[in-house]
Amino acid sequence: MIEAQQLDRMRRHAREWSVGVKETFETETSVICFGTHDQQPVVLKLIKRRCDEWCSGEILEAFDGHGVVRVLKWTPGAVLTERLQPGNSLVEMALNGRDEEATDILADVMLRMSARASSISPLELPEACATLQEWSKGFERYRATGDDQIPANLVAAGERVYLDLSASQARPRLLHGDLQHYNVLFDSELGWLSIDPKGVVGEVEYEIGAALRNPFERPELFLSPGTIERRLRQFTSKLNLNYERALGWSFAQAVLSAIWEIEDGFKVDATNPSFRLAEVIWPMLGEAR
């Protein structure tokens, strides 16, 4: 049951943006409505509380349709976009033995977004954007809690790699921040486009990490060193990126992702996909040097 306060917000935005609501459903973090605006199929998404998607509309607007769904209206906490149809994600492709194809599509979306981001001057960056340096504070917050769900040596290694890479970035630009299989959808006219950006400023090698942790419900598909290497080669070759830096970011991100899950109230143990990926990549870092 959607809370009355969220329903009121949804109805207010639907009125203000002239959206004819046809279907409404709820996720853990959002209320999502399918409807029409000026006879065009649209998605109205309301973020329930302040989080890293609170200003996703501003991030989408900055990318201006380059590798992302087009935004029609936005305000902090709410965004109206075109509806991608049929809207199937890359998850099904990856789960059905076509992971190389799915990885190529992710790399292509990343390439289009990166090309657009490279033309945005620092003065034009969305105000809501965090930086990779700011996201690194997750390690410090975790240590301060005294929690021991993630081994201290893994946390220390993840933080060290993250900070080293963060301090030596080349050509930082606007990134999606969570570019993975669930956030890339197919439209029969527009092709594959990304949705739900978090928005962070950093080097493009960082962007690869989320894809390496997914699809999360079948970690056996991405945990072998051979698959990790093959995916990284596809990304770094297509985008002309540094393989070793992408590998390092993927390791540090996997540790940080597990920390974020704990901050969101989830238990993390040895079966957690992010935790397991970090443990697989860790020994690969020395081999890559």
C-alpha atoms as a PDB file:
ATOM      1  CA  MET A   1       0.000   0.000   0.000  1.00  0.00           C
ATOM      2  CA  ILE A   2       1.462   3.338  -1.084  1.00  0.00           C
ATOM      3  CA  GLU A   3       1.570   5.877   1.752  1.00  0.00           C
ATOM      4  CA  ALA A   4      -0.950   8.705   1.557  1.00  0.00           C
ATOM      5  CA  GLN A   5       1.807  11.331   1.542  1.00  0.00           C
ATOM      6  CA  GLN A   6       3.468   9.713  -1.494  1.00  0.00           C
ATOM      7  CA  LEU A   7       0.116   9.398  -3.289  1.00  0.00           C
ATOM      8  CA  ASP A   8      -0.516  13.091  -2.702  1.00  0.00           C
ATOM      9  CA  ARG A   9       2.889  13.952  -4.161  1.00  0.00           C
ATOM     10  CA  MET A  10       2.240  11.761  -7.177  1.00  0.00           C
ATOM     11  CA  ARG A  11      -1.167  13.333  -7.834  1.00  0.00           C
ATOM     12  CA  ARG A  12       0.232  16.848  -7.448  1.00  0.00           C
ATOM     13  CA  HIS A  13       3.025  16.239  -9.959  1.00  0.00           C
ATOM     14  CA  ALA A  14       0.647  14.467 -12.337  1.00  0.00           C
ATOM     15  CA  ARG A  15      -1.603  17.528 -12.230  1.00  0.00           C
ATOM     16  CA  GLU A  16       1.204  20.053 -12.636  1.00  0.00           C
ATOM     17  CA  TRP A  17       2.804  18.126 -15.509  1.00  0.00           C
ATOM     18  CA  SER A  18      -0.469  17.137 -17.218  1.00  0.00           C
ATOM     19  CA  VAL A  19       0.096  13.413 -16.872  1.00  0.00           C
ATOM     20  CA  GLY A  20      -2.782  11.019 -17.390  1.00  0.00           C
ATOM     21  CA  VAL A  21      -1.872   8.239 -14.952  1.00  0.00           C
ATOM     22  CA  LYS A  22      -2.749   4.722 -16.130  1.00  0.00           C
ATOM     23  CA  GLU A  23      -0.766   2.487 -13.786  1.00  0.00           C
ATOM     24  CA  THR A  24       1.015   3.068 -10.482  1.00  0.00           C
ATOM     25  CA  PHE A  25       3.341   0.781  -8.573  1.00  0.00           C
ATOM     26  CA  GLU A  26       5.875   1.034  -5.784  1.00  0.00           C
ATOM     27  CA  THR A  27       9.473  -0.031  -5.265  1.00  0.00           C
ATOM     28  CA  GLU A  28      11.526   0.173  -2.094  1.00  0.00           C
ATOM     29  CA  THR A  29      12.729   3.673  -2.959  1.00  0.00           C
ATOM     30  CA  SER A  30      10.220   5.054  -5.472  1.00  0.00           C
ATOM     31  CA  VAL A  31       6.642   5.430  -6.654  1.00  0.00           C
ATOM     32  CA  ILE A  32       6.439   4.919 -10.421  1.00  0.00           C
ATOM     33  CA  CYS A  33       3.542   5.843 -12.686  1.00  0.00           C
ATOM     34  CA  PHE A  34       2.999   4.890 -16.315  1.00  0.00           C
ATOM     35  CA  GLY A  35       0.796   7.316 -18.215  1.00  0.00           C
ATOM     36  CA  THR A  36       0.613   9.830 -21.035  1.00  0.00           C
ATOM     37  CA  HIS A  37       1.677  13.464 -21.513  1.00  0.00           C
ATOM     38  CA  ASP A  38       0.572  15.227 -24.696  1.00  0.00           C
ATOM     39  CA  GLN A  39      -0.480  11.790 -25.997  1.00  0.00           C
ATOM     40  CA  GLN A  40       3.067  10.495 -25.478  1.00  0.00           C
ATOM     41  CA  PRO A  41       3.765   7.464 -23.240  1.00  0.00           C
ATOM     42  CA  VAL A  42       5.693   8.652 -20.178  1.00  0.00           C
ATOM     43  CA  VAL A  43       7.048   7.540 -16.818  1.00  0.00           C
ATOM     44  CA  LEU A  44       6.553   9.682 -13.722  1.00  0.00           C
ATOM     45  CA  LYS A  45       8.949   8.650 -10.985  1.00  0.00           C
ATOM     46  CA  LEU A  46       8.851   9.971  -7.425  1.00  0.00           C
ATOM     47  CA  ILE A  47      11.789   9.327  -5.103  1.00  0.00           C
ATOM     48  CA  LYS A  48      10.448   8.617  -1.619  1.00  0.00           C
ATOM     49  CA  ARG A  49      13.281  10.189   0.348  1.00  0.00           C
ATOM     50  CA  ARG A  50      16.529  12.020  -0.256  1.00  0.00           C
ATOM     51  CA  CYS A  51      19.128   9.679  -1.720  1.00  0.00           C
ATOM     52  CA  ASP A  52      21.617   9.597  -4.593  1.00  0.00           C
ATOM     53  CA  GLU A  53      18.763   9.573  -7.150  1.00  0.00           C
ATOM     54  CA  TRP A  54      17.037  12.636  -5.691  1.00  0.00           C
ATOM     55  CA  CYS A  55      18.179  14.861  -8.574  1.00  0.00           C
ATOM     56  CA  SER A  56      18.288  12.239 -11.339  1.00  0.00           C
ATOM     57  CA  GLY A  57      16.204  14.524 -13.562  1.00  0.00           C
ATOM     58  CA  GLU A  58      18.951  17.152 -13.555  1.00  0.00           C
ATOM     59  CA  ILE A  59      21.541  14.493 -14.448  1.00  0.00           C
ATOM     60  CA  LEU A  60      19.405  13.176 -17.327  1.00  0.00           C
ATOM     61  CA  GLU A  61      18.925  16.723 -18.603  1.00  0.00           C
ATOM     62  CA  ALA A  62      22.698  17.234 -18.667  1.00  0.00           C
ATOM     63  CA  PHE A  63      23.192  14.141 -20.849  1.00  0.00           C
ATOM     64  CA  ASP A  64      20.527  15.491 -23.233  1.00  0.00           C
ATOM     65  CA  GLY A  65      19.413  12.151 -24.679  1.00  0.00           C
ATOM     66  CA  HIS A  66      22.945  10.888 -25.407  1.00  0.00           C
ATOM     67  CA  GLY A  67      22.773   7.294 -24.201  1.00  0.00           C
ATOM     68  CA  VAL A  68      20.005   8.161 -21.722  1.00  0.00           C
ATOM     69  CA  VAL A  69      16.230   8.367 -21.752  1.00  0.00           C
ATOM     70  CA  ARG A  70      14.968  11.881 -22.486  1.00  0.00           C
ATOM     71  CA  VAL A  71      13.673  13.881 -19.550  1.00  0.00           C
ATOM     72  CA  LEU A  72      10.577  16.038 -20.077  1.00  0.00           C
ATOM     73  CA  LYS A  73      10.139  17.629 -16.641  1.00  0.00           C
ATOM     74  CA  TRP A  74      11.970  17.378 -13.363  1.00  0.00           C
ATOM     75  CA  THR A  75      12.218  18.784  -9.901  1.00  0.00           C
ATOM     76  CA  PRO A  76      14.209  17.475  -6.930  1.00  0.00           C
ATOM     77  CA  GLY A  77      12.585  14.177  -5.937  1.00  0.00           C
ATOM     78  CA  ALA A  78      10.526  13.749  -9.106  1.00  0.00           C
ATOM     79  CA  VAL A  79      11.188  13.234 -12.807  1.00  0.00           C
ATOM     80  CA  LEU A  80       9.044  12.795 -15.921  1.00  0.00           C
ATOM     81  CA  THR A  81      10.656  10.920 -18.830  1.00  0.00           C
ATOM     82  CA  GLU A  82       9.729   9.314 -22.083  1.00  0.00           C
ATOM     83  CA  ARG A  83       8.620   5.725 -21.634  1.00  0.00           C
ATOM     84  CA  LEU A  84      10.902   3.216 -23.343  1.00  0.00           C
ATOM     85  CA  GLN A  85       8.921   0.435 -24.991  1.00  0.00           C
ATOM     86  CA  PRO A  86       8.968  -2.507 -24.646  1.00  0.00           C
ATOM     87  CA  GLY A  87      11.425  -1.450 -21.919  1.00  0.00           C
ATOM     88  CA  ASN A  88      13.133  -4.791 -21.327  1.00  0.00           C
ATOM     89  CA  SER A  89      16.505  -4.553 -19.590  1.00  0.00           C
ATOM     90  CA  LEU A  90      19.867  -6.127 -20.418  1.00  0.00           C
ATOM     91  CA  VAL A  91      19.446  -8.579 -17.542  1.00  0.00           C
ATOM     92  CA  GLU A  92      17.568 -11.162 -19.612  1.00  0.00           C
ATOM     93  CA  MET A  93      20.247 -11.103 -22.313  1.00  0.00           C
ATOM     94  CA  ALA A  94      23.060 -11.638 -19.812  1.00  0.00           C
ATOM     95  CA  LEU A  95      21.192 -14.430 -18.011  1.00  0.00           C
ATOM     96  CA  ASN A  96      20.539 -16.284 -21.250  1.00  0.00           C
ATOM     97  CA  GLY A  97      24.070 -16.893 -22.443  1.00  0.00           C
ATOM     98  CA  ARG A  98      24.575 -13.599 -24.302  1.00  0.00           C
ATOM     99  CA  ASP A  99      26.786 -11.778 -21.826  1.00  0.00           C
ATOM    100  CA  GLU A 100      29.339 -10.680 -24.427  1.00  0.00           C
ATOM    101  CA  GLU A 101      26.558  -9.035 -26.429  1.00  0.00           C
ATOM    102  CA  ALA A 102      25.150  -7.391 -23.298  1.00  0.00           C
ATOM    103  CA  THR A 103      28.611  -6.095 -22.386  1.00  0.00           C
ATOM    104  CA  ASP A 104      29.045  -4.600 -25.863  1.00  0.00           C
ATOM    105  CA  ILE A 105      25.709  -2.795 -25.503  1.00  0.00           C
ATOM    106  CA  LEU A 106      26.692  -1.425 -22.087  1.00  0.00           C
ATOM    107  CA  ALA A 107      29.994  -0.227 -23.545  1.00  0.00           C
ATOM    108  CA  ASP A 108      28.173   1.485 -26.420  1.00  0.00           C
ATOM    109  CA  VAL A 109      25.801   3.284 -24.036  1.00  0.00           C
ATOM    110  CA  MET A 110      28.784   4.296 -21.917  1.00  0.00           C
ATOM    111  CA  LEU A 111      30.581   5.597 -24.999  1.00  0.00           C
ATOM    112  CA  ARG A 112      27.653   7.802 -26.027  1.00  0.00           C
ATOM    113  CA  MET A 113      27.263   9.191 -22.518  1.00  0.00           C
ATOM    114  CA  SER A 114      30.988   9.799 -22.183  1.00  0.00           C
ATOM    115  CA  ALA A 115      31.143  11.646 -25.496  1.00  0.00           C
ATOM    116  CA  ARG A 116      28.382  13.977 -24.346  1.00  0.00           C
ATOM    117  CA  ALA A 117      29.918  14.416 -20.885  1.00  0.00           C
ATOM    118  CA  SER A 118      33.267  15.390 -22.381  1.00  0.00           C
ATOM    119  CA  SER A 119      31.611  18.475 -23.904  1.00  0.00           C
ATOM    120  CA  ILE A 120      30.188  19.702 -20.579  1.00  0.00           C
ATOM    121  CA  SER A 121      32.376  22.330 -18.950  1.00  0.00           C
ATOM    122  CA  PRO A 122      32.979  22.183 -15.174  1.00  0.00           C
ATOM    123  CA  LEU A 123      30.843  25.307 -14.790  1.00  0.00           C
ATOM    124  CA  GLU A 124      27.899  23.530 -16.470  1.00  0.00           C
ATOM    125  CA  LEU A 125      27.937  20.440 -14.262  1.00  0.00           C
ATOM    126  CA  PRO A 126      24.707  19.806 -12.334  1.00  0.00           C
ATOM    127  CA  GLU A 127      24.875  21.269  -8.845  1.00  0.00           C
ATOM    128  CA  ALA A 128      23.585  18.007  -7.396  1.00  0.00           C
ATOM    129  CA  CYS A 129      26.616  16.038  -8.586  1.00  0.00           C
ATOM    130  CA  ALA A 130      28.838  14.360  -6.057  1.00  0.00           C
ATOM    131  CA  THR A 131      32.483  13.574  -6.789  1.00  0.00           C
ATOM    132  CA  LEU A 132      34.275  10.262  -6.429  1.00  0.00           C
ATOM    133  CA  GLN A 133      36.263  11.840  -3.603  1.00  0.00           C
ATOM    134  CA  GLU A 134      33.018  12.504  -1.717  1.00  0.00           C
ATOM    135  CA  TRP A 135      31.820   8.933  -2.259  1.00  0.00           C
ATOM    136  CA  SER A 136      35.070   7.662  -0.696  1.00  0.00           C
ATOM    137  CA  LYS A 137      33.779   8.809   2.694  1.00  0.00           C
ATOM    138  CA  GLY A 138      31.752   5.582   2.811  1.00  0.00           C
ATOM    139  CA  PHE A 139      34.906   3.750   3.905  1.00  0.00           C
ATOM    140  CA  GLU A 140      35.481   6.188   6.777  1.00  0.00           C
ATOM    141  CA  ARG A 141      31.840   5.981   7.881  1.00  0.00           C
ATOM    142  CA  TYR A 142      32.007   2.198   7.911  1.00  0.00           C
ATOM    143  CA  ARG A 143      35.172   2.062  10.003  1.00  0.00           C
ATOM    144  CA  ALA A 144      33.596   4.459  12.511  1.00  0.00           C
ATOM    145  CA  THR A 145      30.668   2.088  13.110  1.00  0.00           C
ATOM    146  CA  GLY A 146      32.879  -0.740  14.349  1.00  0.00           C
ATOM    147  CA  ASP A 147      30.913  -3.164  12.161  1.00  0.00           C
ATOM    148  CA  ASP A 148      32.827  -6.338  11.237  1.00  0.00           C
ATOM    149  CA  GLN A 149      30.667  -7.885   8.512  1.00  0.00           C
ATOM    150  CA  ILE A 150      33.395  -7.041   5.994  1.00  0.00           C
ATOM    151  CA  PRO A 151      36.939  -8.076   7.013  1.00  0.00           C
ATOM    152  CA  ALA A 152      39.033  -5.093   8.103  1.00  0.00           C
ATOM    153  CA  ASN A 153      41.887  -5.979   5.733  1.00  0.00           C
ATOM    154  CA  LEU A 154      39.498  -6.005   2.749  1.00  0.00           C
ATOM    155  CA  VAL A 155      38.042  -2.637   3.753  1.00  0.00           C
ATOM    156  CA  ALA A 156      41.540  -1.189   4.177  1.00  0.00           C
ATOM    157  CA  ALA A 157      42.652  -2.503   0.780  1.00  0.00           C
ATOM    158  CA  GLY A 158      39.512  -1.192  -0.908  1.00  0.00           C
ATOM    159  CA  GLU A 159      39.939   2.246   0.630  1.00  0.00           C
ATOM    160  CA  ARG A 160      43.636   2.412  -0.256  1.00  0.00           C
ATOM    161  CA  VAL A 161      43.008   1.520  -3.908  1.00  0.00           C
ATOM    162  CA  TYR A 162      40.018   3.886  -4.101  1.00  0.00           C
ATOM    163  CA  LEU A 163      41.920   6.855  -2.678  1.00  0.00           C
ATOM    164  CA  ASP A 164      44.997   6.215  -4.848  1.00  0.00           C
ATOM    165  CA  LEU A 165      42.877   6.095  -8.003  1.00  0.00           C
ATOM    166  CA  SER A 166      40.778   9.066  -6.950  1.00  0.00           C
ATOM    167  CA  ALA A 167      43.892  11.194  -6.429  1.00  0.00           C
ATOM    168  CA  SER A 168      45.337  10.355  -9.862  1.00  0.00           C
ATOM    169  CA  GLN A 169      42.286  10.623 -12.132  1.00  0.00           C
ATOM    170  CA  ALA A 170      42.593  11.718 -15.732  1.00  0.00           C
ATOM    171  CA  ARG A 171      39.890  13.844 -17.397  1.00  0.00           C
ATOM    172  CA  PRO A 172      37.061  13.550 -14.827  1.00  0.00           C
ATOM    173  CA  ARG A 173      33.590  14.083 -16.265  1.00  0.00           C
ATOM    174  CA  LEU A 174      29.930  13.484 -15.471  1.00  0.00           C
ATOM    175  CA  LEU A 175      29.177   9.768 -15.031  1.00  0.00           C
ATOM    176  CA  HIS A 176      25.956   7.818 -14.605  1.00  0.00           C
ATOM    177  CA  GLY A 177      27.247   6.298 -11.364  1.00  0.00           C
ATOM    178  CA  ASP A 178      25.236   3.054 -11.565  1.00  0.00           C
ATOM    179  CA  LEU A 179      25.458   1.957 -15.186  1.00  0.00           C
ATOM    180  CA  GLN A 180      24.579  -1.728 -15.137  1.00  0.00           C
ATOM    181  CA  HIS A 181      22.197  -4.247 -16.706  1.00  0.00           C
ATOM    182  CA  TYR A 182      19.064  -3.262 -14.756  1.00  0.00           C
ATOM    183  CA  ASN A 183      19.463   0.393 -15.728  1.00  0.00           C
ATOM    184  CA  VAL A 184      19.765  -0.075 -19.503  1.00  0.00           C
ATOM    185  CA  LEU A 185      16.444  -0.599 -21.317  1.00  0.00           C
ATOM    186  CA  PHE A 186      15.454  -1.226 -24.928  1.00  0.00           C
ATOM    187  CA  ASP A 187      13.164   0.980 -26.986  1.00  0.00           C
ATOM    188  CA  SER A 188      11.981  -0.265 -30.377  1.00  0.00           C
ATOM    189  CA  GLU A 189      12.673   3.142 -31.971  1.00  0.00           C
ATOM    190  CA  LEU A 190      15.535   4.571 -29.938  1.00  0.00           C
ATOM    191  CA  GLY A 191      17.519   1.416 -29.123  1.00  0.00           C
ATOM    192  CA  TRP A 192      19.271   0.830 -25.789  1.00  0.00           C
ATOM    193  CA  LEU A 193      19.262   3.724 -23.310  1.00  0.00           C
ATOM    194  CA  SER A 194      20.120   4.131 -19.633  1.00  0.00           C
ATOM    195  CA  ILE A 195      17.795   5.267 -16.848  1.00  0.00           C
ATOM    196  CA  ASP A 196      18.070   6.218 -13.159  1.00  0.00           C
ATOM    197  CA  PRO A 197      21.470   7.967 -13.008  1.00  0.00           C
ATOM    198  CA  LYS A 198      22.982   8.817  -9.656  1.00  0.00           C
ATOM    199  CA  GLY A 199      25.351  11.383 -11.139  1.00  0.00           C
ATOM    200  CA  VAL A 200      28.969  11.562 -10.017  1.00  0.00           C
ATOM    201  CA  VAL A 201      32.039  13.312 -11.400  1.00  0.00           C
ATOM    202  CA  GLY A 202      35.039  11.087 -12.087  1.00  0.00           C
ATOM    203  CA  GLU A 203      37.104   9.340 -14.728  1.00  0.00           C
ATOM    204  CA  VAL A 204      35.349   6.943 -17.100  1.00  0.00           C
ATOM    205  CA  GLU A 205      37.236   3.873 -15.790  1.00  0.00           C
ATOM    206  CA  TYR A 206      35.100   4.157 -12.649  1.00  0.00           C
ATOM    207  CA  GLU A 207      31.885   3.664 -14.627  1.00  0.00           C
ATOM    208  CA  ILE A 208      32.722   0.029 -15.465  1.00  0.00           C
ATOM    209  CA  GLY A 209      32.548  -1.253 -11.887  1.00  0.00           C
ATOM    210  CA  ALA A 210      28.759  -1.490 -11.555  1.00  0.00           C
ATOM    211  CA  ALA A 211      28.461  -3.650 -14.669  1.00  0.00           C
ATOM    212  CA  LEU A 212      30.999  -6.125 -13.285  1.00  0.00           C
ATOM    213  CA  ARG A 213      28.771  -6.731 -10.216  1.00  0.00           C
ATOM    214  CA  ASN A 214      25.681  -7.666 -12.235  1.00  0.00           C
ATOM    215  CA  PRO A 215      23.261  -9.335 -12.821  1.00  0.00           C
ATOM    216  CA  PHE A 216      23.444  -9.678  -9.025  1.00  0.00           C
ATOM    217  CA  GLU A 217      20.987 -12.595  -8.717  1.00  0.00           C
ATOM    218  CA  ARG A 218      23.343 -14.869 -10.674  1.00  0.00           C
ATOM    219  CA  PRO A 219      26.819 -14.057  -9.310  1.00  0.00           C
ATOM    220  CA  GLU A 220      28.229 -17.267 -10.773  1.00  0.00           C
ATOM    221  CA  LEU A 221      27.956 -15.561 -14.176  1.00  0.00           C
ATOM    222  CA  PHE A 222      30.461 -12.825 -13.315  1.00  0.00           C
ATOM    223  CA  LEU A 223      32.712 -14.170 -10.555  1.00  0.00           C
ATOM    224  CA  SER A 224      35.273 -16.110 -12.577  1.00  0.00           C
ATOM    225  CA  PRO A 225      38.565 -14.294 -13.294  1.00  0.00           C
ATOM    226  CA  GLY A 226      38.132 -15.185 -16.964  1.00  0.00           C
ATOM    227  CA  THR A 227      34.767 -13.418 -17.185  1.00  0.00           C
ATOM    228  CA  ILE A 228      36.062 -10.397 -15.273  1.00  0.00           C
ATOM    229  CA  GLU A 229      39.029 -10.096 -17.630  1.00  0.00           C
ATOM    230  CA  ARG A 230      36.901 -10.592 -20.753  1.00  0.00           C
ATOM    231  CA  ARG A 231      34.369  -7.970 -19.685  1.00  0.00           C
ATOM    232  CA  LEU A 232      37.110  -5.497 -18.799  1.00  0.00           C
ATOM    233  CA  ARG A 233      38.837  -6.057 -22.155  1.00  0.00           C
ATOM    234  CA  GLN A 234      35.564  -5.365 -23.968  1.00  0.00           C
ATOM    235  CA  PHE A 235      34.973  -2.133 -22.066  1.00  0.00           C
ATOM    236  CA  THR A 236      38.507  -0.800 -22.120  1.00  0.00           C
ATOM    237  CA  SER A 237      39.040  -1.655 -25.778  1.00  0.00           C
ATOM    238  CA  LYS A 238      35.834  -0.007 -26.969  1.00  0.00           C
ATOM    239  CA  LEU A 239      36.285   3.106 -24.821  1.00  0.00           C
ATOM    240  CA  ASN A 240      40.094   3.293 -25.060  1.00  0.00           C
ATOM    241  CA  LEU A 241      40.496   3.132 -21.278  1.00  0.00           C
ATOM    242  CA  ASN A 242      43.220   1.973 -18.905  1.00  0.00           C
ATOM    243  CA  TYR A 243      42.673  -1.696 -18.016  1.00  0.00           C
ATOM    244  CA  GLU A 244      44.590  -1.632 -14.718  1.00  0.00           C
ATOM    245  CA  ARG A 245      42.715   1.431 -13.445  1.00  0.00           C
ATOM    246  CA  ALA A 246      39.366  -0.073 -14.429  1.00  0.00           C
ATOM    247  CA  LEU A 247      40.278  -3.275 -12.564  1.00  0.00           C
ATOM    248  CA  GLY A 248      41.303  -1.298  -9.486  1.00  0.00           C
ATOM    249  CA  TRP A 249      38.119   0.763  -9.502  1.00  0.00           C
ATOM    250  CA  SER A 250      36.039  -2.406  -9.876  1.00  0.00           C
ATOM    251  CA  PHE A 251      37.697  -3.898  -6.786  1.00  0.00           C
ATOM    252  CA  ALA A 252      37.348  -0.769  -4.655  1.00  0.00           C
ATOM    253  CA  GLN A 253      33.759  -0.269  -5.800  1.00  0.00           C
ATOM    254  CA  ALA A 254      32.831  -3.841  -4.919  1.00  0.00           C
ATOM    255  CA  VAL A 255      33.996  -3.233  -1.347  1.00  0.00           C
ATOM    256  CA  LEU A 256      32.200   0.119  -1.204  1.00  0.00           C
ATOM    257  CA  SER A 257      29.030  -1.437  -2.648  1.00  0.00           C
ATOM    258  CA  ALA A 258      28.974  -3.961   0.192  1.00  0.00           C
ATOM    259  CA  ILE A 259      29.416  -1.081   2.649  1.00  0.00           C
ATOM    260  CA  TRP A 260      26.474   0.772   1.080  1.00  0.00           C
ATOM    261  CA  GLU A 261      24.316  -2.328   1.430  1.00  0.00           C
ATOM    262  CA  ILE A 262      25.092  -2.418   5.158  1.00  0.00           C
ATOM    263  CA  GLU A 263      24.248   1.291   5.408  1.00  0.00           C
ATOM    264  CA  ASP A 264      20.918   0.505   3.727  1.00  0.00           C
ATOM    265  CA  GLY A 265      20.141  -2.025   6.462  1.00  0.00           C
ATOM    266  CA  PHE A 266      21.083  -5.291   4.748  1.00  0.00           C
ATOM    267  CA  LYS A 267      23.246  -8.051   6.183  1.00  0.00           C
ATOM    268  CA  VAL A 268      26.435  -8.809   4.273  1.00  0.00           C
ATOM    269  CA  ASP A 269      28.165 -12.174   4.573  1.00  0.00           C
ATOM    270  CA  ALA A 270      30.473 -14.345   2.487  1.00  0.00           C
ATOM    271  CA  THR A 271      27.671 -15.060  -0.016  1.00  0.00           C
ATOM    272  CA  ASN A 272      27.132 -11.387  -0.903  1.00  0.00           C
ATOM    273  CA  PRO A 273      27.872 -10.830  -4.643  1.00  0.00           C
ATOM    274  CA  SER A 274      29.823  -7.584  -4.129  1.00  0.00           C
ATOM    275  CA  PHE A 275      31.842  -9.100  -1.288  1.00  0.00           C
ATOM    276  CA  ARG A 276      32.615 -12.187  -3.385  1.00  0.00           C
ATOM    277  CA  LEU A 277      33.627 -10.108  -6.418  1.00  0.00           C
ATOM    278  CA  ALA A 278      36.016  -8.043  -4.301  1.00  0.00           C
ATOM    279  CA  GLU A 279      37.668 -11.212  -3.017  1.00  0.00           C
ATOM    280  CA  VAL A 280      38.099 -12.549  -6.567  1.00  0.00           C
ATOM    281  CA  ILE A 281      39.545  -9.306  -7.955  1.00  0.00           C
ATOM    282  CA  TRP A 282      41.860  -8.586  -5.024  1.00  0.00           C
ATOM    283  CA  PRO A 283      44.610 -11.053  -6.028  1.00  0.00           C
ATOM    284  CA  MET A 284      44.193 -10.001  -9.670  1.00  0.00           C
ATOM    285  CA  LEU A 285      45.391  -6.477  -8.874  1.00  0.00           C
ATOM    286  CA  GLY A 286      49.004  -7.580  -8.442  1.00  0.00           C
ATOM    287  CA  GLU A 287      48.863  -9.619 -11.633  1.00  0.00           C
ATOM    288  CA  ALA A 288      47.628  -6.591 -13.605  1.00  0.00           C
ATOM    289  CA  ARG A 289      50.597  -4.438 -12.613  1.00  0.00           C
END
